[in-house]
Amino acid sequence: MGNYFEIKDLKVSFKTSEGVKNVLNINKLNLYKGETLGIVGESGAGKSVLAMTILRILPSPPAFIESGEIIFKGQNLLSLEEKEMQRIRGREISMIFQDSMSALNPVFTVGQQIMNVIRHNKHFNKEDAEKEALRMIKLVKLPDAKNTLHKYPHELSGGQRQRIIIAIALSCGAELLIADEPTRNLDVTIQAGILKLIDELIKELGISVLFIANNINLVFIVSDRVAVLYRGKIIEVGTSQEIREEPIHPYTRRLLGIVAPTERKIKNLIEVNLKEEIEVDGSACSYFYKCEKRIEICKKNSPILTKVSNTHLVNCHRVIDREVDNESTSISH
C-alpha cells in the first residue's frame, strides 16, 4: 500500500465571542492507498471538523485554518484554488454524510439527484446518466432499482436513504471516501447492513476510506487501522487489532470499557476538577483533567506521539516506561 494521503501540522480554530478556540491540532496522520482508517472519538472531538477541512467546506467565518498541509496524491489541498477543489470534490474525494434526510433534496427523486451529480462531474447526457444512476442503485443493493430510481426521499426508509447517499458518493469514481458517521441514527439491525455494504464496496472497488464514528466497536468492523481523536488531537494510532487488544492511552481504554484496578471511583474518570482546570495552562496534556494516571509532567507539557511499535503510536508521557498497561485489565461487555 502506498502512502498517498497525509496530514501535517494541521491547526484549525474558530473565532468565538470569547476569543479564538483551537478545535483541531493534528501533527501527523496518514492514509495508505486501499486502506480504511477509522477515526474515533466522542462528540466534540473534532471528527466532522476534520472531514470538512479535508474537503474545504468548513464555514468561514467562524472557522479558519491557522497552519498545516493536507497532502493528497502529492498536492496540498489547502493551497489549491477553489476551482481546483471543485474538480476534486466528488470526482477524487467524496463524502458520505451522517444525516441522509437533510443531505437529500425532498423535492427531487433520488434518481434525479444521483443523475445530477453524474452529469455535473462526468458530463454524461441524460440517457447515459440514468443508466449509470440505475447501476449505482444496484451497486448499493437496493431492491427493484428501476422503481427506486423514481422515488422521493420521504418514500424510503432511513437505511434505504443512507444507501442512496452512498450511491451518490461513489457515483463519480472517487478514490478517497470520507464516511462521516454513516450509521448514525439508524437502529442496530440497519447499522449492521450498512456496515456490511461499506465493507463489501471497499473490497470490490479498492478505494481508500476515512471512516468516522463515535462508537469504537463499529470502527473495528471496517477499519485496517484506527486513530483515536480527543479534543482535536490524535492520542493513539494503531492497527485495529492493536487498538482492540493492546490499547495504551487511558482515554482509548475508557472507550473500550477497560477498567484498571484502582481505589478511585469510576466517576473520577469522567468528572473534571474545575479548580485544577483553572490552574493548569494550555500546555498541559489535553486529557489531564480526566486522566486517572496523570503525573506532574502531564500538567506542564503536552506529550507527542511516541512509537510503541512500527504501527502503534501513543500520545502519553507514561508510554515510554509502558506504565499505562503494566497491570491486569478486564474488558466489560
Protein backbone atom coordinates (compact mmCIF):
# COMPACT_ATOMS: atom_id res chain seq x y z
CA MET A 1 0.00 0.00 0.00
CA GLY A 2 1.32 3.44 -0.88
CA ASN A 3 1.06 6.44 1.40
CA TYR A 4 -0.86 8.91 -0.73
CA PHE A 5 -2.80 10.95 1.83
CA GLU A 6 -1.14 12.74 4.72
CA ILE A 7 -1.98 15.49 7.20
CA LYS A 8 0.92 17.55 8.53
CA ASP A 9 0.85 20.08 11.38
CA LEU A 10 -2.82 20.92 10.82
CA LYS A 11 -4.29 23.52 13.16
CA VAL A 12 -7.92 24.62 12.78
CA SER A 13 -9.57 27.22 15.01
CA PHE A 14 -12.88 29.03 15.41
CA LYS A 15 -13.46 32.68 16.19
CA THR A 16 -15.95 32.96 19.05
CA SER A 17 -17.31 35.75 21.23
CA GLU A 18 -14.83 34.58 23.87
CA GLY A 19 -11.86 34.65 21.52
CA VAL A 20 -10.12 32.15 19.26
CA LYS A 21 -10.73 28.48 20.13
CA ASN A 22 -8.46 25.79 18.71
CA VAL A 23 -10.55 22.74 17.74
CA LEU A 24 -8.11 20.65 15.72
CA ASN A 25 -4.38 20.14 16.20
CA ILE A 26 -3.02 17.16 14.25
CA ASN A 27 0.74 16.89 13.86
CA LYS A 28 0.74 13.88 11.55
CA LEU A 29 -1.79 11.41 10.18
CA ASN A 30 -1.52 9.32 7.05
CA LEU A 31 -3.69 7.03 4.97
CA TYR A 32 -2.37 4.35 2.63
CA LYS A 33 -3.84 3.61 -0.77
CA GLY A 34 -6.53 0.95 -0.48
CA GLU A 35 -6.67 1.26 3.31
CA THR A 36 -9.55 2.04 5.65
CA LEU A 37 -8.53 4.28 8.55
CA GLY A 38 -11.04 4.63 11.36
CA ILE A 39 -11.26 7.98 13.16
CA VAL A 40 -12.96 7.54 16.52
CA GLY A 41 -13.81 9.96 19.31
CA GLU A 42 -16.71 11.29 21.32
CA SER A 43 -18.96 14.15 20.19
CA GLY A 44 -17.00 17.39 20.07
CA ALA A 45 -13.64 15.68 19.48
CA GLY A 46 -13.27 17.35 16.07
CA LYS A 47 -14.12 14.43 13.76
CA SER A 48 -16.57 16.26 11.49
CA VAL A 49 -14.37 19.37 11.52
CA LEU A 50 -11.55 17.19 10.19
CA ALA A 51 -13.77 15.79 7.42
CA MET A 52 -14.95 19.25 6.34
CA THR A 53 -11.39 20.61 6.50
CA ILE A 54 -10.18 17.92 4.09
CA LEU A 55 -12.91 18.87 1.59
CA ARG A 56 -12.50 22.57 2.43
CA ILE A 57 -16.18 23.05 3.17
CA LEU A 58 -15.80 24.47 6.68
CA PRO A 59 -17.94 27.59 7.24
CA SER A 60 -15.51 30.50 7.22
CA PRO A 61 -16.02 32.58 9.27
CA PRO A 62 -16.06 31.46 12.05
CA ALA A 63 -13.65 28.63 11.15
CA PHE A 64 -10.17 29.25 9.82
CA ILE A 65 -7.08 27.14 9.15
CA GLU A 66 -4.12 28.53 11.07
CA SER A 67 -1.47 26.26 9.58
CA GLY A 68 -0.70 22.88 8.10
CA GLU A 69 -0.89 20.78 4.97
CA ILE A 70 -3.26 18.12 3.67
CA ILE A 71 -1.37 16.19 1.01
CA PHE A 72 -3.39 14.13 -1.46
CA LYS A 73 -1.53 12.40 -4.29
CA GLY A 74 1.39 14.81 -3.92
CA GLN A 75 -0.56 18.08 -3.84
CA ASN A 76 -1.51 20.24 -0.87
CA LEU A 77 -5.30 20.60 -0.86
CA LEU A 78 -5.09 23.68 1.35
CA SER A 79 -3.12 25.63 -1.24
CA LEU A 80 -5.39 24.88 -4.20
CA GLU A 81 -7.70 27.43 -5.77
CA GLU A 82 -11.41 26.84 -5.15
CA LYS A 83 -11.90 25.92 -8.82
CA GLU A 84 -9.36 23.11 -8.45
CA MET A 85 -11.04 21.89 -5.26
CA GLN A 86 -14.40 21.79 -7.04
CA ARG A 87 -12.86 19.40 -9.56
CA ILE A 88 -11.51 17.16 -6.77
CA ARG A 89 -14.72 17.07 -4.70
CA GLY A 90 -16.88 14.20 -5.89
CA ARG A 91 -14.51 13.04 -8.60
CA GLU A 92 -11.49 12.18 -6.44
CA ILE A 93 -12.61 12.70 -2.84
CA SER A 94 -16.20 12.14 -1.83
CA MET A 95 -18.15 12.09 1.41
CA ILE A 96 -20.99 10.11 2.96
CA PHE A 97 -22.89 12.47 5.23
CA GLN A 98 -24.39 11.30 8.52
CA ASP A 99 -27.92 12.67 8.12
CA SER A 100 -29.48 11.20 4.98
CA MET A 101 -32.72 13.17 5.28
CA SER A 102 -31.03 16.58 5.30
CA ALA A 103 -28.41 15.50 2.73
CA LEU A 104 -31.09 14.65 0.15
CA ASN A 105 -33.34 17.21 -1.53
CA PRO A 106 -37.00 16.38 -0.75
CA VAL A 107 -38.34 17.87 -4.00
CA PHE A 108 -36.32 15.68 -6.38
CA THR A 109 -36.41 11.92 -6.85
CA VAL A 110 -33.35 10.03 -5.67
CA GLY A 111 -32.67 9.09 -9.30
CA GLN A 112 -32.61 12.74 -10.33
CA GLN A 113 -30.19 13.53 -7.51
CA ILE A 114 -27.78 10.77 -8.49
CA MET A 115 -28.05 11.80 -12.15
CA ASN A 116 -27.36 15.46 -11.35
CA VAL A 117 -24.09 14.56 -9.65
CA ILE A 118 -23.08 12.28 -12.52
CA ARG A 119 -23.91 14.84 -15.21
CA HIS A 120 -22.10 17.61 -13.33
CA ASN A 121 -18.90 15.65 -12.79
CA LYS A 122 -18.81 13.23 -15.73
CA HIS A 123 -20.68 15.35 -18.30
CA PHE A 124 -22.91 12.42 -19.33
CA ASN A 125 -26.04 13.01 -21.37
CA LYS A 126 -29.38 12.33 -19.70
CA GLU A 127 -29.77 8.79 -21.05
CA ASP A 128 -26.28 7.66 -20.01
CA ALA A 129 -26.62 9.37 -16.64
CA GLU A 130 -29.85 7.47 -15.97
CA LYS A 131 -28.18 4.16 -16.86
CA GLU A 132 -25.30 4.97 -14.51
CA ALA A 133 -27.70 6.01 -11.73
CA LEU A 134 -29.51 2.70 -12.13
CA ARG A 135 -26.19 0.86 -11.90
CA MET A 136 -25.29 2.72 -8.70
CA ILE A 137 -28.63 1.86 -7.08
CA LYS A 138 -27.99 -1.80 -7.88
CA LEU A 139 -24.43 -1.47 -6.55
CA VAL A 140 -25.72 -0.44 -3.10
CA LYS A 141 -28.09 -3.42 -3.18
CA LEU A 142 -31.44 -1.63 -3.15
CA PRO A 143 -34.25 -3.89 -4.43
CA ASP A 144 -36.31 -3.00 -7.51
CA ALA A 145 -33.76 -0.47 -8.75
CA LYS A 146 -35.93 0.89 -11.59
CA ASN A 147 -38.78 1.69 -9.23
CA THR A 148 -36.42 3.12 -6.57
CA LEU A 149 -34.95 5.47 -9.17
CA HIS A 150 -38.25 7.37 -9.31
CA LYS A 151 -38.93 7.56 -5.57
CA TYR A 152 -38.62 10.66 -3.39
CA PRO A 153 -36.51 10.59 -0.20
CA HIS A 154 -39.55 10.52 2.10
CA GLU A 155 -40.75 7.34 0.40
CA LEU A 156 -37.64 5.47 1.53
CA SER A 157 -36.62 4.19 4.95
CA GLY A 158 -33.62 5.62 6.80
CA GLY A 159 -31.43 2.70 5.78
CA GLN A 160 -32.51 2.97 2.13
CA ARG A 161 -31.80 6.71 2.10
CA GLN A 162 -28.34 6.06 3.51
CA ARG A 163 -27.69 3.60 0.68
CA ILE A 164 -28.68 6.35 -1.78
CA ILE A 165 -26.19 8.70 -0.10
CA ILE A 166 -23.51 6.03 -0.54
CA ALA A 167 -24.51 5.63 -4.21
CA ILE A 168 -24.16 9.39 -4.76
CA ALA A 169 -20.77 9.45 -3.02
CA LEU A 170 -19.45 6.65 -5.24
CA SER A 171 -21.16 7.69 -8.48
CA CYS A 172 -18.19 9.59 -9.91
CA GLY A 173 -15.42 7.12 -9.12
CA ALA A 174 -13.82 8.84 -6.13
CA GLU A 175 -10.59 7.23 -4.90
CA LEU A 176 -10.93 8.51 -1.33
CA LEU A 177 -14.20 8.22 0.56
CA ILE A 178 -14.89 10.05 3.82
CA ALA A 179 -17.66 8.31 5.74
CA ASP A 180 -18.82 10.71 8.46
CA GLU A 181 -20.78 8.60 10.98
CA PRO A 182 -22.71 6.85 8.16
CA THR A 183 -24.77 4.71 10.55
CA ARG A 184 -25.78 7.44 12.97
CA ASN A 185 -29.47 7.45 13.99
CA LEU A 186 -30.02 4.00 12.47
CA ASP A 187 -31.13 1.03 14.54
CA VAL A 188 -28.69 -1.79 15.22
CA THR A 189 -30.00 -4.12 12.50
CA ILE A 190 -29.87 -1.41 9.82
CA GLN A 191 -26.41 -0.34 11.05
CA ALA A 192 -25.12 -3.86 10.52
CA GLY A 193 -26.44 -3.89 6.95
CA ILE A 194 -24.86 -0.54 6.09
CA LEU A 195 -21.51 -1.55 7.60
CA LYS A 196 -21.57 -4.83 5.66
CA LEU A 197 -22.31 -2.91 2.46
CA ILE A 198 -19.49 -0.41 3.05
CA ASP A 199 -17.05 -3.22 3.80
CA GLU A 200 -18.04 -5.07 0.61
CA LEU A 201 -17.75 -1.91 -1.52
CA ILE A 202 -14.31 -1.11 -0.10
CA LYS A 203 -13.06 -4.54 -1.17
CA GLU A 204 -14.86 -4.51 -4.52
CA LEU A 205 -13.83 -1.00 -5.60
CA GLY A 206 -10.39 -0.86 -3.95
CA ILE A 207 -10.98 2.63 -2.56
CA SER A 208 -9.34 4.29 0.44
CA VAL A 209 -11.65 5.28 3.28
CA LEU A 210 -11.63 7.55 6.31
CA PHE A 211 -14.34 6.01 8.48
CA ILE A 212 -15.51 8.41 11.20
CA ALA A 213 -17.58 7.27 14.19
CA ASN A 214 -18.03 7.77 17.92
CA ASN A 215 -18.52 4.04 18.51
CA ILE A 216 -15.14 2.32 18.53
CA ASN A 217 -16.66 -1.13 18.04
CA LEU A 218 -18.24 -0.02 14.75
CA VAL A 219 -14.87 1.31 13.61
CA PHE A 220 -13.21 -2.05 14.25
CA ILE A 221 -15.63 -3.78 11.83
CA VAL A 222 -14.39 -1.99 8.70
CA SER A 223 -11.02 -0.42 9.58
CA ASP A 224 -7.47 -1.64 8.95
CA ARG A 225 -6.08 0.96 11.34
CA VAL A 226 -7.66 3.20 13.97
CA ALA A 227 -6.80 6.74 15.08
CA VAL A 228 -8.31 7.92 18.37
CA LEU A 229 -9.19 11.62 18.48
CA TYR A 230 -9.62 13.55 21.74
CA ARG A 231 -10.20 17.31 21.96
CA GLY A 232 -8.80 17.81 18.47
CA LYS A 233 -5.64 15.73 18.94
CA ILE A 234 -4.69 12.24 17.83
CA ILE A 235 -3.87 10.44 21.06
CA GLU A 236 -3.35 6.89 19.76
CA VAL A 237 -2.93 5.22 16.36
CA GLY A 238 -2.52 1.55 15.57
CA THR A 239 -3.88 -1.41 13.69
CA SER A 240 -7.42 -2.40 14.61
CA GLN A 241 -6.01 -5.42 16.41
CA GLU A 242 -3.52 -3.33 18.41
CA ILE A 243 -6.13 -0.80 19.50
CA ARG A 244 -8.66 -3.51 20.33
CA GLU A 245 -6.31 -5.89 22.14
CA GLU A 246 -3.45 -3.67 23.37
CA PRO A 247 -4.83 -0.15 23.95
CA ILE A 248 -2.41 2.01 25.91
CA HIS A 249 -3.74 5.55 26.27
CA PRO A 250 -6.13 5.90 29.27
CA TYR A 251 -8.77 7.51 27.05
CA THR A 252 -8.65 4.69 24.50
CA ARG A 253 -9.01 2.19 27.32
CA ARG A 254 -12.05 4.06 28.62
CA LEU A 255 -13.64 3.99 25.15
CA LEU A 256 -13.19 0.22 25.17
CA GLY A 257 -14.64 -0.15 28.64
CA ILE A 258 -11.38 -1.38 30.11
CA VAL A 259 -11.27 -0.88 33.87
CA ALA A 260 -7.91 -0.92 35.64
CA PRO A 261 -7.62 -1.84 39.35
CA THR A 262 -7.84 1.39 41.30
CA GLU A 263 -9.19 2.74 44.56
CA ARG A 264 -10.54 5.82 42.84
CA LYS A 265 -14.21 5.78 41.98
CA ILE A 266 -15.15 5.29 38.34
CA LYS A 267 -16.82 8.69 38.30
CA ASN A 268 -13.38 10.27 38.64
CA LEU A 269 -12.66 9.09 35.09
CA ILE A 270 -15.29 11.41 33.70
CA GLU A 271 -15.53 14.29 36.15
CA VAL A 272 -13.46 17.43 35.65
CA ASN A 273 -11.88 19.11 38.63
CA LEU A 274 -12.75 22.72 37.83
CA LYS A 275 -10.25 24.16 40.29
CA GLU A 276 -7.40 22.26 38.65
CA GLU A 277 -8.64 23.20 35.19
CA ILE A 278 -8.28 26.85 36.08
CA GLU A 279 -4.79 26.31 37.49
CA VAL A 280 -3.48 24.26 34.55
CA ASP A 281 -2.40 26.26 31.49
CA GLY A 282 -2.82 25.36 27.82
CA SER A 283 0.48 23.49 27.66
CA ALA A 284 -0.94 20.56 29.68
CA CYS A 285 -1.92 17.23 28.19
CA SER A 286 -5.41 17.54 26.68
CA TYR A 287 -6.61 14.58 28.77
CA PHE A 288 -5.05 15.83 32.02
CA TYR A 289 -8.30 16.79 33.73
CA LYS A 290 -9.92 13.38 33.32
CA CYS A 291 -6.93 11.03 33.46
CA GLU A 292 -6.65 8.68 36.43
CA LYS A 293 -2.96 8.10 35.66
CA ARG A 294 -1.78 11.71 35.38
CA ILE A 295 1.61 12.69 36.78
CA GLU A 296 3.28 16.06 37.30
CA ILE A 297 4.77 16.35 33.81
CA CYS A 298 1.30 15.94 32.29
CA LYS A 299 0.33 19.25 33.90
CA LYS A 300 3.29 21.08 32.39
CA ASN A 301 3.83 19.66 28.92
CA SER A 302 1.63 18.24 26.21
CA PRO A 303 3.04 14.87 25.05
CA ILE A 304 3.82 13.92 21.46
CA LEU A 305 3.02 10.71 19.61
CA THR A 306 5.58 8.10 20.67
CA LYS A 307 6.29 4.86 18.80
CA VAL A 308 5.39 1.68 20.65
CA SER A 309 5.90 -0.43 17.52
CA ASN A 310 6.18 0.22 13.79
CA THR A 311 2.41 0.60 13.58
CA HIS A 312 1.41 1.68 17.09
CA LEU A 313 1.86 5.27 18.35
CA VAL A 314 0.60 6.79 21.60
CA ASN A 315 0.38 10.37 22.84
CA CYS A 316 1.19 9.85 26.53
CA HIS A 317 4.11 10.73 28.83
CA ARG A 318 3.89 7.40 30.61
CA VAL A 319 4.12 5.27 27.49
CA ILE A 320 7.92 5.43 27.48
CA ASP A 321 8.02 3.22 30.57
CA ARG A 322 4.91 1.30 29.48
CA GLU A 323 3.44 2.11 32.90
CA VAL A 324 -0.03 2.51 31.48
CA ASP A 325 -0.53 -1.15 30.61
CA ASN A 326 1.69 -2.85 33.19
CA GLU A 327 -1.31 -4.10 35.10
CA SER A 328 -4.03 -6.68 34.78
CA THR A 329 -7.11 -5.45 32.94
CA SER A 330 -10.56 -6.68 32.18
CA ILE A 331 -12.91 -5.79 29.37
CA SER A 332 -16.52 -5.30 30.33
CA HIS A 333 -19.00 -6.50 27.74
